[in-house]
């Protein structure tokens, strides 16, 4: 072991998964020789080229034109491996998550000022293979981290250390919590105001975020209805504790809700839009709360918005003293750390299911490699997934036992 490797190992603090506390990595180093080595060459020495076999180039997905058609909007490009700045990490991605909002991003709907080219992908998990000097106060080569930020659809991603989440292992289950889990946790906590005994409707309940909404509502003591598109998914929902799975391909959701829940629904966690949203509005109970976290049924259209008959919406809300609120995760980042900490603890204790869909049953098989992100996106939008869709970017590193 080199003196530098020893120094890096000894610099690791003893904090929690969410960051390590204590003095900086170099606070106790007074040797002029050691300081000179670090100060003059950290950009090289903090890149673990030998241990992790970092190549000279990598592949990444880049949005080259704005379009809701992901295949035409995004291309695979080969570029040089980026070098992390002073407070940044270079992460070799093992897994990346697929989100419905990836298409909104490639269509330029979130930030109209963004012009192509720009990097795609929101979340990844992998190992640290390079880092800047300031970042070394909290991390070292070989650490495993997850992150929520742009540019995840790449073999390597530079991530600010302050937004990285230390995790005990590179398990894709942790990846499911970053966006999908956090959305359900924070939305239901902040906007749902769940009370024991209430009735909660979760649409697309067997999907990436729906699975978490079902579980959090059950934990709050609620009666949960979950919509899905197959009997297999209905079975999965029952395993999560869902009281009434509704397979909308064989049942009429509106009729089922009117017949079985005549008093209405107290809280709706809605992500589909269109006719499903109309049904949800019509099914609200007095003082019901409808949370819109998305409208996936319209994302692939030119406008991005599915048809919605909302002309009488104000009247319907007024008559029931009901509310309808939108939820966009970046607006609730002050709740993010607590949400993630709580979910990781629940998962570690076996109290939270984080279902991952690797695409084994998809045409072409398991999603492996960046190029398979296209198939994974098609698979999710076809409604075939059970749980969170995840792509394995690279196999485990033979040089690091954590992976």
Protein backbone atom coordinates (compact mmCIF):
# COMPACT_ATOMS: atom_id res chain seq x y z
CA UNK A 1 0.00 0.00 0.00
CA UNK A 2 1.39 3.40 -1.00
CA UNK A 3 1.69 6.26 1.49
CA UNK A 4 -1.03 8.08 -0.43
CA UNK A 5 -3.42 5.15 -0.20
CA UNK A 6 -2.69 4.89 3.51
CA UNK A 7 -3.33 8.60 3.92
CA UNK A 8 -6.63 8.33 2.07
CA UNK A 9 -7.73 5.37 4.15
CA UNK A 10 -6.84 7.08 7.42
CA UNK A 11 -8.67 10.23 6.38
CA UNK A 12 -12.07 8.57 6.35
CA UNK A 13 -14.34 9.85 9.11
CA UNK A 14 -16.84 7.78 11.05
CA UNK A 15 -20.11 9.55 10.19
CA UNK A 16 -23.43 8.12 9.05
CA UNK A 17 -24.47 7.02 5.57
CA UNK A 18 -25.45 10.61 4.89
CA UNK A 19 -21.99 12.10 5.29
CA UNK A 20 -19.01 11.84 7.51
CA UNK A 21 -18.29 14.40 10.18
CA UNK A 22 -15.06 15.48 11.76
CA UNK A 23 -12.04 17.44 10.66
CA UNK A 24 -10.89 17.49 7.07
CA UNK A 25 -8.87 14.67 5.63
CA UNK A 26 -5.64 16.61 5.88
CA UNK A 27 -6.23 18.52 9.14
CA UNK A 28 -3.75 16.43 11.09
CA UNK A 29 -1.06 16.36 8.39
CA UNK A 30 1.83 18.70 9.26
CA UNK A 31 4.59 17.11 7.22
CA UNK A 32 5.74 19.48 4.52
CA UNK A 33 6.67 16.56 2.29
CA UNK A 34 3.20 15.00 2.50
CA UNK A 35 1.48 18.30 2.02
CA UNK A 36 3.57 19.04 -1.03
CA UNK A 37 2.69 15.70 -2.58
CA UNK A 38 -1.02 16.19 -2.03
CA UNK A 39 -1.19 19.87 -2.88
CA UNK A 40 0.75 19.62 -6.09
CA UNK A 41 -0.66 16.44 -7.56
CA UNK A 42 -4.01 15.56 -6.03
CA UNK A 43 -5.76 15.78 -9.38
CA UNK A 44 -3.67 12.82 -10.51
CA UNK A 45 -3.22 10.87 -7.30
CA UNK A 46 -6.87 11.05 -6.34
CA UNK A 47 -7.80 9.33 -9.58
CA UNK A 48 -7.55 5.60 -9.01
CA UNK A 49 -6.40 4.68 -12.51
CA UNK A 50 -4.59 1.49 -11.56
CA UNK A 51 -7.03 0.15 -8.98
CA UNK A 52 -10.15 0.79 -11.02
CA UNK A 53 -8.80 0.63 -14.57
CA UNK A 54 -10.19 3.98 -15.64
CA UNK A 55 -10.06 4.15 -19.44
CA UNK A 56 -9.20 7.27 -21.40
CA UNK A 57 -12.72 7.64 -22.79
CA UNK A 58 -16.29 6.73 -21.91
CA UNK A 59 -19.80 6.62 -23.33
CA UNK A 60 -22.66 8.83 -22.25
CA UNK A 61 -26.16 9.74 -23.43
CA UNK A 62 -26.57 13.30 -24.65
CA UNK A 63 -29.74 15.16 -25.61
CA UNK A 64 -28.92 16.48 -29.08
CA UNK A 65 -32.37 17.79 -29.97
CA UNK A 66 -35.50 18.56 -27.99
CA UNK A 67 -38.16 15.92 -28.48
CA UNK A 68 -40.54 13.73 -26.43
CA UNK A 69 -39.31 10.86 -28.62
CA UNK A 70 -36.41 9.71 -26.44
CA UNK A 71 -34.76 7.67 -29.19
CA UNK A 72 -34.56 10.61 -31.57
CA UNK A 73 -33.70 13.16 -28.89
CA UNK A 74 -30.82 11.31 -27.27
CA UNK A 75 -27.64 9.86 -28.77
CA UNK A 76 -24.71 7.85 -27.43
CA UNK A 77 -21.45 9.75 -27.57
CA UNK A 78 -17.87 8.83 -26.76
CA UNK A 79 -16.03 11.49 -24.77
CA UNK A 80 -12.98 11.87 -22.55
CA UNK A 81 -13.29 10.83 -18.93
CA UNK A 82 -14.00 14.01 -16.93
CA UNK A 83 -11.76 15.09 -14.06
CA UNK A 84 -13.49 16.01 -10.81
CA UNK A 85 -13.04 19.49 -9.40
CA UNK A 86 -11.95 20.33 -5.89
CA UNK A 87 -15.30 19.47 -4.24
CA UNK A 88 -16.43 16.81 -6.67
CA UNK A 89 -16.41 13.03 -7.06
CA UNK A 90 -15.89 10.95 -10.16
CA UNK A 91 -18.33 8.05 -9.89
CA UNK A 92 -18.19 4.93 -12.00
CA UNK A 93 -21.88 4.14 -12.47
CA UNK A 94 -22.95 0.58 -11.79
CA UNK A 95 -26.70 1.17 -12.07
CA UNK A 96 -28.87 4.05 -13.29
CA UNK A 97 -32.58 4.57 -12.79
CA UNK A 98 -35.21 5.12 -15.47
CA UNK A 99 -37.84 7.77 -14.77
CA UNK A 100 -40.93 8.84 -16.70
CA UNK A 101 -39.63 12.40 -16.37
CA UNK A 102 -36.55 11.54 -18.46
CA UNK A 103 -38.71 12.23 -21.51
CA UNK A 104 -39.86 15.58 -20.16
CA UNK A 105 -36.21 16.48 -19.66
CA UNK A 106 -35.23 15.44 -23.18
CA UNK A 107 -38.15 17.49 -24.50
CA UNK A 108 -36.89 20.60 -22.66
CA UNK A 109 -40.05 20.97 -20.59
CA UNK A 110 -38.42 21.56 -17.23
CA UNK A 111 -36.11 24.39 -18.19
CA UNK A 112 -36.96 26.12 -21.49
CA UNK A 113 -33.65 27.98 -21.33
CA UNK A 114 -31.67 24.75 -21.72
CA UNK A 115 -30.52 24.18 -25.28
CA UNK A 116 -28.95 20.99 -26.63
CA UNK A 117 -26.54 19.43 -26.23
CA UNK A 118 -26.91 18.49 -22.56
CA UNK A 119 -26.48 15.29 -20.59
CA UNK A 120 -29.38 12.95 -19.79
CA UNK A 121 -30.30 10.91 -16.72
CA UNK A 122 -31.19 11.82 -13.13
CA UNK A 123 -29.94 9.13 -10.76
CA UNK A 124 -27.10 6.69 -10.42
CA UNK A 125 -25.21 4.51 -7.98
CA UNK A 126 -21.63 3.30 -8.13
CA UNK A 127 -18.15 3.67 -6.69
CA UNK A 128 -15.90 6.68 -6.26
CA UNK A 129 -12.87 6.35 -8.53
CA UNK A 130 -11.67 9.96 -8.40
CA UNK A 131 -12.15 13.02 -6.22
CA UNK A 132 -10.97 16.55 -5.55
CA UNK A 133 -8.98 17.65 -2.54
CA UNK A 134 -11.88 19.18 -0.57
CA UNK A 135 -14.08 16.19 -1.36
CA UNK A 136 -11.47 13.93 0.25
CA UNK A 137 -12.50 15.20 3.69
CA UNK A 138 -15.65 13.07 3.38
CA UNK A 139 -14.87 10.44 0.74
CA UNK A 140 -12.08 8.30 -0.57
CA UNK A 141 -11.41 6.01 -3.51
CA UNK A 142 -13.65 2.94 -3.38
CA UNK A 143 -16.51 4.50 -1.44
CA UNK A 144 -19.96 3.55 -2.70
CA UNK A 145 -22.39 6.41 -3.33
CA UNK A 146 -25.76 7.16 -4.86
CA UNK A 147 -26.75 10.53 -6.27
CA UNK A 148 -29.68 12.48 -7.69
CA UNK A 149 -28.58 14.93 -10.37
CA UNK A 150 -28.17 15.45 -14.10
CA UNK A 151 -25.84 13.46 -16.33
CA UNK A 152 -26.41 10.03 -14.81
CA UNK A 153 -26.75 8.23 -18.15
CA UNK A 154 -23.00 7.78 -18.50
CA UNK A 155 -20.35 5.25 -17.65
CA UNK A 156 -18.70 7.85 -15.40
CA UNK A 157 -20.31 10.95 -13.86
CA UNK A 158 -18.83 13.88 -11.97
CA UNK A 159 -21.00 14.55 -8.93
CA UNK A 160 -20.74 17.31 -6.29
CA UNK A 161 -19.70 15.67 -3.03
CA UNK A 162 -22.34 17.60 -1.10
CA UNK A 163 -25.21 15.94 -2.97
CA UNK A 164 -23.77 12.43 -2.94
CA UNK A 165 -25.31 9.88 -0.59
CA UNK A 166 -22.96 7.31 0.98
CA UNK A 167 -24.51 3.84 0.87
CA UNK A 168 -23.23 0.58 2.37
CA UNK A 169 -23.24 -1.28 -0.95
CA UNK A 170 -23.96 -0.77 -4.62
CA UNK A 171 -27.44 -2.24 -4.53
CA UNK A 172 -30.01 -0.93 -7.01
CA UNK A 173 -32.58 -1.00 -4.21
CA UNK A 174 -30.95 2.16 -2.84
CA UNK A 175 -31.33 3.71 -6.27
CA UNK A 176 -35.10 3.28 -6.10
CA UNK A 177 -35.24 5.64 -3.13
CA UNK A 178 -33.55 8.66 -4.70
CA UNK A 179 -36.45 9.91 -6.84
CA UNK A 180 -39.27 7.36 -6.76
CA UNK A 181 -39.19 6.71 -3.03
CA UNK A 182 -38.49 10.31 -2.06
CA UNK A 183 -41.37 11.57 -4.19
CA UNK A 184 -43.86 9.28 -2.46
CA UNK A 185 -42.47 9.86 1.03
CA UNK A 186 -42.39 13.66 0.89
CA UNK A 187 -45.58 14.14 -1.15
CA UNK A 188 -47.70 12.05 1.18
CA UNK A 189 -46.11 13.57 4.27
CA UNK A 190 -46.29 17.20 3.21
CA UNK A 191 -49.43 17.24 1.06
CA UNK A 192 -51.30 14.05 1.89
CA UNK A 193 -51.73 14.73 5.61
CA UNK A 194 -52.65 11.06 6.05
CA UNK A 195 -54.76 10.00 9.01
CA UNK A 196 -55.39 6.49 10.24
CA UNK A 197 -58.50 4.94 8.74
CA UNK A 198 -58.57 7.12 5.63
CA UNK A 199 -58.94 5.70 2.13
CA UNK A 200 -56.06 6.30 -0.27
CA UNK A 201 -56.03 5.71 -4.02
CA UNK A 202 -52.64 5.18 -5.69
CA UNK A 203 -52.59 5.12 -9.50
CA UNK A 204 -49.89 3.16 -11.36
CA UNK A 205 -49.42 1.54 -7.96
CA UNK A 206 -47.05 -1.22 -9.09
CA UNK A 207 -44.62 1.20 -10.71
CA UNK A 208 -41.45 2.83 -9.48
CA UNK A 209 -43.04 5.42 -7.19
CA UNK A 210 -46.47 3.84 -6.76
CA UNK A 211 -45.02 0.89 -4.85
CA UNK A 212 -43.73 3.29 -2.20
CA UNK A 213 -46.94 5.29 -1.98
CA UNK A 214 -48.83 2.06 -1.24
CA UNK A 215 -46.43 1.13 1.55
CA UNK A 216 -46.30 4.56 3.18
CA UNK A 217 -50.09 4.84 3.14
CA UNK A 218 -50.35 1.41 4.77
CA UNK A 219 -47.81 2.42 7.40
CA UNK A 220 -50.06 5.38 8.21
CA UNK A 221 -52.93 3.00 8.88
CA UNK A 222 -54.89 3.76 5.72
CA UNK A 223 -57.05 1.58 3.48
CA UNK A 224 -55.25 1.51 0.12
CA UNK A 225 -56.63 1.06 -3.39
CA UNK A 226 -54.04 0.57 -6.13
CA UNK A 227 -54.53 0.60 -9.90
CA UNK A 228 -52.47 -1.65 -12.15
CA UNK A 229 -52.56 -3.26 -15.58
CA UNK A 230 -52.17 -7.01 -14.95
CA UNK A 231 -53.05 -9.77 -12.52
CA UNK A 232 -49.35 -10.25 -11.80
CA UNK A 233 -49.11 -6.63 -10.68
CA UNK A 234 -52.28 -7.03 -8.62
CA UNK A 235 -50.63 -9.94 -6.83
CA UNK A 236 -47.56 -7.82 -6.18
CA UNK A 237 -49.72 -5.05 -4.72
CA UNK A 238 -51.40 -7.52 -2.39
CA UNK A 239 -47.96 -8.59 -1.17
CA UNK A 240 -47.33 -4.94 -0.22
CA UNK A 241 -50.53 -4.84 1.81
CA UNK A 242 -52.72 -3.09 -0.76
CA UNK A 243 -56.32 -3.67 0.31
CA UNK A 244 -57.94 -3.38 -3.11
CA UNK A 245 -55.85 -3.79 -6.26
CA UNK A 246 -57.82 -2.75 -9.36
CA UNK A 247 -56.69 -4.17 -12.70
CA UNK A 248 -58.07 -1.48 -14.99
CA UNK A 249 -57.75 -3.74 -18.04
CA UNK A 250 -60.45 -6.00 -16.63
CA UNK A 251 -62.35 -3.66 -14.28
CA UNK A 252 -63.91 -0.25 -14.72
CA UNK A 253 -62.16 1.91 -12.15
CA UNK A 254 -64.89 4.56 -11.95
CA UNK A 255 -67.64 1.98 -11.41
CA UNK A 256 -65.57 0.12 -8.83
CA UNK A 257 -64.93 3.27 -6.82
CA UNK A 258 -68.58 4.37 -6.95
CA UNK A 259 -69.85 0.94 -5.88
CA UNK A 260 -67.27 0.01 -3.25
CA UNK A 261 -66.38 3.45 -1.91
CA UNK A 262 -69.57 5.51 -1.94
CA UNK A 263 -68.21 7.95 0.65
CA UNK A 264 -65.32 8.80 -1.66
CA UNK A 265 -61.54 8.80 -1.50
CA UNK A 266 -59.70 10.86 1.10
CA UNK A 267 -56.31 11.04 -0.62
CA UNK A 268 -55.26 10.34 -4.21
CA UNK A 269 -51.63 9.87 -5.28
CA UNK A 270 -51.94 10.40 -9.04
CA UNK A 271 -49.33 9.99 -11.76
CA UNK A 272 -51.26 8.98 -14.90
CA UNK A 273 -53.40 11.94 -15.93
CA UNK A 274 -56.17 12.08 -18.51
CA UNK A 275 -59.25 9.99 -17.84
CA UNK A 276 -57.69 8.48 -14.70
CA UNK A 277 -57.28 11.96 -13.25
CA UNK A 278 -60.89 12.78 -14.14
CA UNK A 279 -62.05 9.65 -12.31
CA UNK A 280 -59.92 10.57 -9.30
CA UNK A 281 -61.43 14.07 -9.13
CA UNK A 282 -64.96 12.69 -9.37
CA UNK A 283 -64.22 10.17 -6.62
CA UNK A 284 -62.91 12.56 -3.98
CA UNK A 285 -64.54 12.58 -0.57
CA UNK A 286 -65.40 15.74 1.32
CA UNK A 287 -62.13 17.47 2.20
CA UNK A 288 -60.33 15.04 -0.09
CA UNK A 289 -56.76 15.77 -1.18
CA UNK A 290 -55.57 14.95 -4.69
CA UNK A 291 -51.81 15.02 -5.25
CA UNK A 292 -50.61 15.24 -8.85
CA UNK A 293 -47.05 13.91 -9.11
CA UNK A 294 -47.17 13.46 -12.87
CA UNK A 295 -49.27 12.60 -15.91
CA UNK A 296 -47.29 9.94 -17.74
CA UNK A 297 -50.08 9.23 -20.23
CA UNK A 298 -49.26 12.49 -22.01
CA UNK A 299 -45.48 12.69 -21.81
CA UNK A 300 -44.86 11.16 -25.23
CA UNK A 301 -47.23 13.57 -26.98
CA UNK A 302 -46.05 16.85 -28.55
CA UNK A 303 -47.67 18.93 -25.79
CA UNK A 304 -46.73 16.56 -22.99
CA UNK A 305 -50.20 16.98 -21.50
CA UNK A 306 -52.99 14.40 -21.80
CA UNK A 307 -56.55 15.59 -22.52
CA UNK A 308 -58.38 16.53 -19.33
CA UNK A 309 -61.97 17.70 -18.99
CA UNK A 310 -61.42 20.27 -16.28
CA UNK A 311 -64.06 22.86 -17.08
CA UNK A 312 -66.06 22.01 -13.97
CA UNK A 313 -63.05 21.34 -11.73
CA UNK A 314 -63.51 24.48 -9.57
CA UNK A 315 -67.12 23.52 -8.90
CA UNK A 316 -66.24 19.94 -7.97
CA UNK A 317 -63.51 21.07 -5.58
CA UNK A 318 -65.76 23.69 -4.02
CA UNK A 319 -68.69 21.33 -3.52
CA UNK A 320 -66.49 18.93 -1.56
CA UNK A 321 -64.08 21.42 0.05
CA UNK A 322 -61.47 19.32 -1.71
CA UNK A 323 -57.99 20.28 -2.87
CA UNK A 324 -55.77 19.43 -5.80
CA UNK A 325 -52.04 20.09 -5.49
CA UNK A 326 -49.03 19.45 -7.63
CA UNK A 327 -45.77 17.97 -6.33
CA UNK A 328 -42.37 18.49 -7.98
CA UNK A 329 -39.49 16.96 -5.99
CA UNK A 330 -36.91 19.75 -6.60
CA UNK A 331 -39.25 22.15 -4.76
CA UNK A 332 -39.02 20.04 -1.59
CA UNK A 333 -35.29 19.44 -1.26
CA UNK A 334 -35.32 20.71 2.33
CA UNK A 335 -37.16 17.47 3.18
CA UNK A 336 -34.89 15.25 1.10
CA UNK A 337 -32.22 14.24 3.61
CA UNK A 338 -34.71 13.26 6.29
CA UNK A 339 -36.78 11.31 3.78
CA UNK A 340 -33.80 9.41 2.43
CA UNK A 341 -32.46 8.65 5.91
CA UNK A 342 -35.81 7.32 7.05
CA UNK A 343 -36.28 5.14 3.97
CA UNK A 344 -32.78 3.67 4.15
CA UNK A 345 -33.37 2.75 7.78
CA UNK A 346 -36.70 1.14 6.91
CA UNK A 347 -35.09 -0.85 4.09
CA UNK A 348 -32.23 -1.97 6.36
CA UNK A 349 -34.76 -3.21 8.92
CA UNK A 350 -36.79 -5.07 6.31
CA UNK A 351 -39.74 -2.70 6.67
CA UNK A 352 -39.68 -1.34 3.11
CA UNK A 353 -39.86 -3.24 -0.17
CA UNK A 354 -37.83 -1.71 -3.00
CA UNK A 355 -38.86 -3.70 -6.05
CA UNK A 356 -36.42 -3.48 -8.97
CA UNK A 357 -37.16 -4.46 -12.57
CA UNK A 358 -33.99 -5.32 -14.50
CA UNK A 359 -35.90 -6.14 -17.67
CA UNK A 360 -35.33 -9.89 -17.66
CA UNK A 361 -38.74 -10.34 -19.29
CA UNK A 362 -38.31 -7.47 -21.75
CA UNK A 363 -37.70 -8.05 -25.47
CA UNK A 364 -33.93 -8.35 -25.78
CA UNK A 365 -33.49 -9.42 -22.18
CA UNK A 366 -31.95 -7.74 -19.15
CA UNK A 367 -31.03 -4.07 -19.43
CA UNK A 368 -27.23 -4.05 -19.50
CA UNK A 369 -25.07 -1.25 -20.93
CA UNK A 370 -25.91 2.34 -21.79
CA UNK A 371 -27.45 1.41 -25.12
CA UNK A 372 -30.13 -0.61 -23.31
CA UNK A 373 -31.51 2.59 -21.75
CA UNK A 374 -33.53 3.05 -24.94
CA UNK A 375 -35.15 -0.36 -24.50
CA UNK A 376 -35.70 0.31 -20.82
CA UNK A 377 -37.53 3.54 -21.62
CA UNK A 378 -39.76 1.80 -24.15
CA UNK A 379 -40.44 -1.00 -21.67
CA UNK A 380 -41.52 1.41 -18.94
CA UNK A 381 -43.74 3.47 -21.22
CA UNK A 382 -45.41 0.28 -22.44
CA UNK A 383 -46.43 -0.28 -18.82
CA UNK A 384 -44.61 -3.60 -18.57
CA UNK A 385 -42.48 -2.85 -15.52
CA UNK A 386 -43.07 -4.18 -12.04
CA UNK A 387 -41.31 -1.77 -9.68
CA UNK A 388 -38.48 0.58 -10.56
CA UNK A 389 -36.80 0.10 -13.95
CA UNK A 390 -33.02 -0.06 -13.53
CA UNK A 391 -30.20 -0.43 -16.06
CA UNK A 392 -26.91 -2.09 -15.18
CA UNK A 393 -24.29 0.16 -16.75
CA UNK A 394 -21.22 -1.88 -15.88
CA UNK A 395 -20.35 -5.17 -14.15
CA UNK A 396 -18.78 -5.18 -10.69
CA UNK A 397 -15.20 -4.02 -10.34
CA UNK A 398 -12.89 -6.91 -9.56
CA UNK A 399 -10.64 -4.52 -7.63
CA UNK A 400 -13.25 -3.56 -5.07
CA UNK A 401 -14.96 -6.06 -2.84
CA UNK A 402 -17.74 -3.59 -1.99
CA UNK A 403 -19.16 -4.18 -5.45
